[in-house]
Amino acid sequence: MKVQTKVFLARDLVLALDEASRRTKRSKSEIVQAAVASYLSPDSDEAAEAAVVRRLDRIGRELEGQGRDLTIANEAIALFVKAWLTATPSLAAGDQKAQNAKGQERYAGFLDALARRLASGRLLRAEVLDDRPPNAGM
């Protein structure tokens, strides 16, 4: 036995319900009844839990990728600093002003190179050996 009930819906839901009714060639009552039954079904809790688990899995994969990227960035900076400290000769103490100017010039060049690299979309992580297919030669 069906019982008539009165509910109030937002305008956008009413428009969507009208469209779904036309598109599926089903009555609005049938669509609303199925939606309410699905919402009240004990399986809806399991479906919601499954959706949360899927989202958490996706977030976990993204975090792993970000951790990997952070490790690559840290190693790249460490390698750069080591190479810089090894290759940069000490300058005489009397040329402090010239040293500062040269340092600023090198830093500006570094920022320009970094900006060009980021703008090009070529990122270090794409060049790392881990991104190569398995069994790829070195």
Protein backbone atom coordinates (compact mmCIF):
# COMPACT_ATOMS: atom_id res chain seq x y z
CA MET A 1 0.00 0.00 0.00
CA LYS A 2 1.36 3.40 -0.97
CA VAL A 3 0.87 6.43 1.24
CA GLN A 4 1.00 9.96 -0.10
CA THR A 5 3.45 12.26 1.66
CA LYS A 6 4.47 15.86 1.20
CA VAL A 7 8.14 16.87 1.20
CA PHE A 8 9.94 20.09 0.40
CA LEU A 9 12.94 19.97 -1.91
CA ALA A 10 15.37 22.60 -3.06
CA ARG A 11 14.63 24.00 -6.52
CA ASP A 12 17.77 22.50 -8.06
CA LEU A 13 16.80 19.05 -6.77
CA VAL A 14 13.31 19.39 -8.24
CA LEU A 15 14.80 20.37 -11.62
CA ALA A 16 17.24 17.43 -11.47
CA LEU A 17 14.39 15.09 -10.53
CA ASP A 18 12.30 16.34 -13.46
CA GLU A 19 15.22 15.82 -15.83
CA ALA A 20 15.95 12.32 -14.48
CA SER A 21 12.27 11.42 -14.82
CA ARG A 22 12.23 12.51 -18.46
CA ARG A 23 15.57 10.91 -19.25
CA THR A 24 14.82 7.52 -17.67
CA LYS A 25 11.11 7.57 -18.55
CA ARG A 26 10.20 6.75 -14.95
CA SER A 27 7.89 8.54 -12.60
CA LYS A 28 9.27 10.99 -10.08
CA SER A 29 7.64 8.95 -7.31
CA GLU A 30 9.54 5.86 -8.44
CA ILE A 31 12.86 7.73 -8.50
CA VAL A 32 12.30 9.32 -5.07
CA GLN A 33 11.17 6.00 -3.59
CA ALA A 34 14.34 4.28 -4.87
CA ALA A 35 16.52 7.12 -3.55
CA VAL A 36 14.93 7.05 -0.08
CA ALA A 37 15.13 3.25 0.06
CA SER A 38 18.79 3.38 -0.89
CA TYR A 39 19.47 6.06 1.73
CA LEU A 40 17.73 4.07 4.46
CA SER A 41 19.17 0.72 3.42
CA PRO A 42 21.61 -0.92 5.85
CA ASP A 43 23.90 -1.41 2.84
CA SER A 44 24.26 2.36 2.53
CA ASP A 45 26.57 2.34 5.56
CA GLU A 46 28.75 -0.28 3.89
CA ALA A 47 28.77 1.66 0.63
CA ALA A 48 29.74 4.84 2.47
CA GLU A 49 32.50 2.97 4.30
CA ALA A 50 33.78 1.54 1.00
CA ALA A 51 33.83 5.05 -0.49
CA VAL A 52 35.82 6.34 2.49
CA VAL A 53 38.27 3.45 2.20
CA ARG A 54 38.77 4.20 -1.52
CA ARG A 55 39.41 7.86 -0.73
CA LEU A 56 41.85 6.98 2.04
CA ASP A 57 43.71 4.61 -0.29
CA ARG A 58 43.99 7.37 -2.91
CA ILE A 59 45.19 9.86 -0.30
CA GLY A 60 47.73 7.31 0.94
CA ARG A 61 49.11 6.82 -2.57
CA GLU A 62 49.34 10.58 -3.05
CA LEU A 63 51.18 10.97 0.25
CA GLU A 64 53.64 8.25 -0.72
CA GLY A 65 54.31 10.07 -3.99
CA GLN A 66 54.79 13.36 -2.17
CA GLY A 67 57.16 11.72 0.30
CA ARG A 68 59.13 10.30 -2.60
CA ASP A 69 59.26 13.72 -4.29
CA LEU A 70 60.40 15.33 -1.05
CA THR A 71 63.18 12.76 -0.69
CA ILE A 72 64.30 13.46 -4.26
CA ALA A 73 64.29 17.21 -3.59
CA ASN A 74 66.28 16.81 -0.38
CA GLU A 75 68.86 14.59 -2.07
CA ALA A 76 69.16 17.00 -5.00
CA ILE A 77 69.77 19.94 -2.67
CA ALA A 78 72.28 17.96 -0.64
CA LEU A 79 74.12 16.92 -3.79
CA PHE A 80 74.17 20.51 -5.04
CA VAL A 81 75.49 21.87 -1.74
CA LYS A 82 78.18 19.20 -1.60
CA ALA A 83 79.27 19.97 -5.17
CA TRP A 84 79.17 23.71 -4.51
CA LEU A 85 81.24 23.44 -1.34
CA THR A 86 83.74 21.23 -3.12
CA ALA A 87 84.10 23.36 -6.26
CA THR A 88 83.89 26.90 -4.89
CA PRO A 89 87.31 28.27 -3.92
CA SER A 90 87.73 30.57 -0.93
CA LEU A 91 88.21 34.22 -1.80
CA ALA A 92 90.49 36.70 -0.08
CA ALA A 93 88.97 38.46 2.91
CA GLY A 94 89.63 41.91 1.42
CA ASP A 95 87.19 41.41 -1.45
CA GLN A 96 84.04 41.17 0.73
CA LYS A 97 82.05 43.65 -1.38
CA ALA A 98 83.02 41.87 -4.61
CA GLN A 99 82.19 38.49 -3.03
CA ASN A 100 78.72 39.71 -2.00
CA ALA A 101 78.05 41.10 -5.48
CA LYS A 102 79.19 37.86 -7.13
CA GLY A 103 77.04 35.86 -4.69
CA GLN A 104 73.98 37.95 -5.52
CA GLU A 105 74.66 37.53 -9.23
CA ARG A 106 74.96 33.74 -8.88
CA TYR A 107 71.81 33.60 -6.76
CA ALA A 108 69.85 35.60 -9.35
CA GLY A 109 71.12 33.22 -12.03
CA PHE A 110 70.03 30.24 -9.91
CA LEU A 111 66.53 31.72 -9.47
CA ASP A 112 66.25 32.38 -13.21
CA ALA A 113 67.28 28.82 -14.03
CA LEU A 114 64.85 27.44 -11.44
CA ALA A 115 62.00 29.56 -12.80
CA ARG A 116 62.71 28.42 -16.38
CA ARG A 117 62.82 24.78 -15.29
CA LEU A 118 59.54 24.99 -13.35
CA ALA A 119 57.85 26.85 -16.22
CA SER A 120 58.95 24.20 -18.71
CA GLY A 121 57.26 21.44 -16.69
CA ARG A 122 60.38 19.28 -16.70
CA LEU A 123 60.75 18.16 -13.11
CA LEU A 124 63.61 16.29 -11.51
CA ARG A 125 61.34 13.46 -10.39
CA ALA A 126 60.75 12.58 -14.05
CA GLU A 127 64.49 12.15 -14.54
CA VAL A 128 65.13 9.94 -11.53
CA LEU A 129 66.03 6.31 -12.14
CA ASP A 130 62.99 5.11 -10.20
CA ASP A 131 60.76 6.57 -12.90
CA ARG A 132 62.31 4.35 -15.56
CA PRO A 133 60.55 1.16 -16.50
CA PRO A 134 61.78 -1.97 -14.70
CA ASN A 135 64.87 -3.57 -16.23
CA ALA A 136 65.83 -0.36 -18.01
CA GLY A 137 69.52 -0.03 -18.61
CA MET A 138 71.57 2.64 -16.90
